[in-house]
């Protein structure tokens, strides 16, 4: 089940908390890139249940976690009562005073309806010289998964699925950042095949977890055969002897507000 809050659509609290811990685990190098310093003020944009907000706080920074899901913010507040968390939209959030950095892990690709508005909101939240450090899905992310979905939908006579993600090329997103008032200091674009350990039924489970909103428009009796077909189509590219792998491609960057 996905939360359909505009600007920051995310998966369910239960899934985020127990099923996809690698979202937070793979964020550790990004926290190192942010290099938060004691006393700094950092926004964690798309903070989910606050795991990386807590990591940044542990390094001495003061963190404001923002997410579009009220359920996730409720969970974050309960789990980390010493950290500030609020519900907010990535495309139009505001802060009372400028921050030293905005951090975002595995969230910007859920805010793709208005990427320039997100960048503008980030810039407004930063003091001059402030850092924007983030990782998101890049062009080609989940290509085999989404191709299997599109084919399965078409074969079942369904309209092309309106995929909720934004996976830009490095050049495209760098240009957006530059136009939005940032200087790009670092940009990395890399494959990161990721085990789908919590999806024993493979690509079908991944669709349920991350694209569940699309299944709500599918006739009930068609959902299971549709997902079986997604598995059949995705298996040649993504199923290994050791299990299913998600074909993730990541875009990681550090930029500075001009």
Protein backbone atom coordinates (compact mmCIF):
# COMPACT_ATOMS: atom_id res chain seq x y z
CA UNK A 1 0.00 0.00 0.00
CA UNK A 2 1.35 3.42 -0.90
CA UNK A 3 0.59 6.76 0.60
CA UNK A 4 -0.65 9.09 -2.11
CA UNK A 5 0.30 12.40 -0.53
CA UNK A 6 1.31 14.72 -3.41
CA UNK A 7 4.97 15.53 -3.70
CA UNK A 8 6.23 12.78 -1.42
CA UNK A 9 4.48 9.52 -2.22
CA UNK A 10 5.93 6.67 -0.17
CA UNK A 11 5.26 3.06 0.71
CA UNK A 12 3.53 1.92 3.88
CA UNK A 13 5.01 2.35 7.34
CA UNK A 14 5.03 -1.40 7.94
CA UNK A 15 6.92 -2.09 4.74
CA UNK A 16 9.37 0.75 5.24
CA UNK A 17 10.08 -0.33 8.81
CA UNK A 18 10.45 -4.10 8.44
CA UNK A 19 10.54 -5.09 4.82
CA UNK A 20 12.97 -2.72 3.18
CA UNK A 21 15.62 -1.93 5.73
CA UNK A 22 18.16 -1.70 2.92
CA UNK A 23 16.69 1.72 2.06
CA UNK A 24 18.26 2.99 5.27
CA UNK A 25 21.26 0.66 5.19
CA UNK A 26 22.34 1.89 1.77
CA UNK A 27 21.97 5.48 3.00
CA UNK A 28 25.00 5.28 5.30
CA UNK A 29 27.54 6.38 2.62
CA UNK A 30 25.27 9.33 1.87
CA UNK A 31 25.41 10.46 5.48
CA UNK A 32 29.21 10.27 5.20
CA UNK A 33 29.03 12.45 2.10
CA UNK A 34 26.85 14.96 3.96
CA UNK A 35 29.45 14.95 6.78
CA UNK A 36 27.18 16.67 9.31
CA UNK A 37 29.03 18.72 11.87
CA UNK A 38 28.09 19.38 15.49
CA UNK A 39 25.66 22.28 15.75
CA UNK A 40 24.68 22.28 12.06
CA UNK A 41 21.02 22.45 11.09
CA UNK A 42 19.97 19.80 8.58
CA UNK A 43 16.66 19.08 6.83
CA UNK A 44 16.06 15.39 6.06
CA UNK A 45 13.66 15.61 3.12
CA UNK A 46 11.58 12.48 2.65
CA UNK A 47 12.75 11.20 6.02
CA UNK A 48 10.34 8.24 6.24
CA UNK A 49 10.39 6.82 9.76
CA UNK A 50 13.50 8.81 10.68
CA UNK A 51 16.29 6.22 10.70
CA UNK A 52 18.80 8.42 8.87
CA UNK A 53 17.56 11.53 10.69
CA UNK A 54 18.68 9.77 13.86
CA UNK A 55 22.07 8.92 12.33
CA UNK A 56 22.62 12.56 11.39
CA UNK A 57 21.52 13.67 14.87
CA UNK A 58 23.98 11.22 16.42
CA UNK A 59 26.76 13.16 14.70
CA UNK A 60 25.78 16.32 16.52
CA UNK A 61 23.52 18.08 14.02
CA UNK A 62 20.03 19.43 14.70
CA UNK A 63 17.64 17.71 12.27
CA UNK A 64 14.21 18.57 10.94
CA UNK A 65 12.68 15.52 9.25
CA UNK A 66 10.00 16.18 6.63
CA UNK A 67 7.84 13.58 4.90
CA UNK A 68 4.53 13.58 3.03
CA UNK A 69 3.18 10.61 4.97
CA UNK A 70 1.51 11.50 8.26
CA UNK A 71 1.74 7.85 9.31
CA UNK A 72 5.50 7.81 8.84
CA UNK A 73 5.94 11.07 10.73
CA UNK A 74 3.85 9.66 13.57
CA UNK A 75 6.12 6.62 13.66
CA UNK A 76 9.26 8.79 13.52
CA UNK A 77 8.05 10.97 16.41
CA UNK A 78 7.34 7.90 18.52
CA UNK A 79 10.64 6.24 17.69
CA UNK A 80 12.89 9.33 17.98
CA UNK A 81 11.19 11.76 20.37
CA UNK A 82 14.21 14.04 20.58
CA UNK A 83 14.11 14.92 16.86
CA UNK A 84 11.75 17.36 15.14
CA UNK A 85 9.54 15.82 12.44
CA UNK A 86 6.77 17.43 10.41
CA UNK A 87 4.46 16.47 7.56
CA UNK A 88 5.34 18.45 4.43
CA UNK A 89 5.30 18.44 0.65
CA UNK A 90 8.68 18.35 -1.09
CA UNK A 91 7.56 20.84 -3.71
CA UNK A 92 6.46 23.64 -1.35
CA UNK A 93 7.84 23.13 2.17
CA UNK A 94 9.16 26.15 4.09
CA UNK A 95 11.31 26.61 7.18
CA UNK A 96 11.44 29.51 9.63
CA UNK A 97 15.21 29.97 9.45
CA UNK A 98 17.83 28.95 6.86
CA UNK A 99 19.47 25.55 7.26
CA UNK A 100 23.07 24.52 6.64
CA UNK A 101 22.14 21.45 4.58
CA UNK A 102 19.28 19.53 3.02
CA UNK A 103 19.70 15.76 2.88
CA UNK A 104 17.52 13.28 0.99
CA UNK A 105 17.84 9.54 0.52
CA UNK A 106 15.67 7.46 -1.85
CA UNK A 107 12.92 10.08 -1.83
CA UNK A 108 13.41 12.64 -4.61
CA UNK A 109 12.28 10.17 -7.28
CA UNK A 110 8.89 10.07 -5.52
CA UNK A 111 8.63 13.86 -5.97
CA UNK A 112 9.01 13.87 -9.73
CA UNK A 113 5.78 15.62 -10.71
CA UNK A 114 7.43 18.98 -9.99
CA UNK A 115 11.20 18.47 -9.73
CA UNK A 116 12.03 22.14 -10.27
CA UNK A 117 9.63 23.16 -7.50
CA UNK A 118 11.36 20.69 -5.15
CA UNK A 119 14.76 22.17 -6.02
CA UNK A 120 13.40 25.69 -5.49
CA UNK A 121 12.02 24.74 -2.06
CA UNK A 122 15.36 23.20 -1.10
CA UNK A 123 17.20 26.35 -2.17
CA UNK A 124 14.88 28.56 -0.15
CA UNK A 125 15.50 26.39 2.91
CA UNK A 126 19.27 26.81 2.68
CA UNK A 127 21.58 29.57 3.76
CA UNK A 128 23.95 30.83 1.01
CA UNK A 129 26.65 28.20 0.63
CA UNK A 130 24.38 25.56 2.12
CA UNK A 131 24.66 21.97 0.89
CA UNK A 132 22.13 19.82 -0.93
CA UNK A 133 23.21 16.17 -0.62
CA UNK A 134 20.97 13.45 -1.98
CA UNK A 135 20.62 10.08 -3.64
CA UNK A 136 17.73 9.06 -5.88
CA UNK A 137 16.88 6.67 -8.66
CA UNK A 138 18.60 7.61 -11.91
CA UNK A 139 17.79 6.92 -15.55
CA UNK A 140 17.45 3.19 -16.10
CA UNK A 141 16.45 2.52 -12.51
CA UNK A 142 14.15 -0.52 -12.35
CA UNK A 143 14.15 -0.73 -16.15
CA UNK A 144 13.49 -4.47 -16.27
CA UNK A 145 10.85 -4.22 -13.56
CA UNK A 146 8.97 -1.37 -15.23
CA UNK A 147 9.25 -2.95 -18.68
CA UNK A 148 7.70 -6.14 -17.30
CA UNK A 149 4.91 -4.11 -15.76
CA UNK A 150 4.17 -2.22 -18.96
CA UNK A 151 4.08 -5.40 -21.03
CA UNK A 152 1.89 -7.26 -18.52
CA UNK A 153 -0.55 -4.34 -18.32
CA UNK A 154 -0.75 -4.17 -22.11
CA UNK A 155 -1.25 -7.93 -22.49
CA UNK A 156 -4.16 -7.77 -20.05
CA UNK A 157 -5.83 -4.97 -22.00
CA UNK A 158 -5.10 -2.34 -19.36
CA UNK A 159 -3.98 1.24 -20.02
CA UNK A 160 -0.25 1.91 -19.78
CA UNK A 161 0.55 2.22 -16.04
CA UNK A 162 1.18 5.79 -14.92
CA UNK A 163 4.40 5.09 -13.06
CA UNK A 164 4.85 7.38 -10.04
CA UNK A 165 8.61 7.85 -10.24
CA UNK A 166 11.06 10.31 -11.79
CA UNK A 167 14.41 8.83 -12.80
CA UNK A 168 16.49 11.57 -14.51
CA UNK A 169 19.77 11.29 -16.37
CA UNK A 170 22.80 12.84 -14.66
CA UNK A 171 22.93 15.62 -17.26
CA UNK A 172 19.22 16.38 -16.86
CA UNK A 173 19.31 16.67 -13.09
CA UNK A 174 22.61 18.57 -13.05
CA UNK A 175 21.05 21.10 -15.43
CA UNK A 176 18.00 21.44 -13.18
CA UNK A 177 20.24 22.06 -10.17
CA UNK A 178 22.29 24.66 -12.02
CA UNK A 179 19.17 26.46 -13.25
CA UNK A 180 17.77 26.28 -9.74
CA UNK A 181 20.63 28.20 -8.19
CA UNK A 182 23.09 25.45 -7.25
CA UNK A 183 26.69 24.64 -8.14
CA UNK A 184 27.14 20.87 -8.54
CA UNK A 185 30.24 19.73 -6.67
CA UNK A 186 29.87 15.98 -7.12
CA UNK A 187 27.61 13.73 -9.15
CA UNK A 188 27.81 9.93 -9.28
CA UNK A 189 25.71 7.60 -11.42
CA UNK A 190 26.04 3.89 -10.83
CA UNK A 191 24.35 0.50 -10.97
CA UNK A 192 23.40 -0.99 -7.63
CA UNK A 193 21.71 -4.39 -8.06
CA UNK A 194 19.89 -4.98 -4.78
CA UNK A 195 18.62 -8.28 -3.39
CA UNK A 196 14.84 -8.38 -2.97
CA UNK A 197 15.23 -10.43 0.19
CA UNK A 198 11.83 -9.44 1.55
CA UNK A 199 10.02 -10.24 -1.71
CA UNK A 200 9.90 -14.04 -1.84
CA UNK A 201 7.52 -13.83 -4.78
CA UNK A 202 9.96 -11.62 -6.68
CA UNK A 203 8.90 -8.84 -9.00
CA UNK A 204 5.26 -9.36 -8.06
CA UNK A 205 6.08 -8.56 -4.44
CA UNK A 206 8.07 -5.51 -5.49
CA UNK A 207 5.07 -4.19 -7.44
CA UNK A 208 2.82 -4.71 -4.42
CA UNK A 209 5.31 -2.85 -2.20
CA UNK A 210 6.24 0.07 -4.40
CA UNK A 211 3.48 0.39 -7.00
CA UNK A 212 0.49 -0.75 -5.01
CA UNK A 213 -1.44 2.37 -5.97
CA UNK A 214 -1.50 1.14 -9.58
CA UNK A 215 -3.11 -2.14 -8.54
CA UNK A 216 -6.09 -0.32 -7.06
CA UNK A 217 -7.29 0.49 -10.59
CA UNK A 218 -7.01 -3.15 -11.72
CA UNK A 219 -10.14 -5.38 -11.55
CA UNK A 220 -9.81 -7.58 -8.46
CA UNK A 221 -9.88 -10.86 -10.32
CA UNK A 222 -7.12 -9.73 -12.66
CA UNK A 223 -4.54 -8.72 -10.04
CA UNK A 224 -3.01 -12.15 -9.38
CA UNK A 225 -2.70 -13.27 -13.04
CA UNK A 226 -1.32 -9.82 -13.87
CA UNK A 227 1.37 -10.13 -11.21
CA UNK A 228 2.21 -13.70 -12.23
CA UNK A 229 2.83 -12.36 -15.73
CA UNK A 230 5.05 -9.59 -14.35
CA UNK A 231 7.14 -12.30 -12.69
CA UNK A 232 7.37 -14.35 -15.89
CA UNK A 233 8.51 -11.32 -17.89
CA UNK A 234 11.00 -10.04 -15.30
CA UNK A 235 12.53 -13.38 -14.32
CA UNK A 236 15.06 -13.74 -17.18
CA UNK A 237 16.72 -10.43 -16.21
CA UNK A 238 16.25 -10.39 -12.45
CA UNK A 239 16.00 -13.90 -11.02
CA UNK A 240 19.29 -15.48 -9.95
CA UNK A 241 20.11 -18.79 -8.28
CA UNK A 242 20.45 -16.86 -5.03
CA UNK A 243 17.13 -15.02 -5.42
CA UNK A 244 15.58 -12.00 -7.07
CA UNK A 245 17.57 -8.81 -7.67
CA UNK A 246 16.12 -5.34 -8.22
CA UNK A 247 17.87 -3.54 -11.10
CA UNK A 248 18.54 -0.29 -9.27
CA UNK A 249 20.52 2.58 -10.79
CA UNK A 250 21.37 5.43 -8.45
CA UNK A 251 22.11 9.13 -8.90
CA UNK A 252 24.04 10.63 -5.97
CA UNK A 253 25.04 14.27 -5.80
CA UNK A 254 26.32 17.08 -3.63
CA UNK A 255 25.53 20.67 -4.62
CA UNK A 256 25.99 24.07 -3.00
CA UNK A 257 23.52 26.95 -3.02
CA UNK A 258 24.86 29.95 -4.89
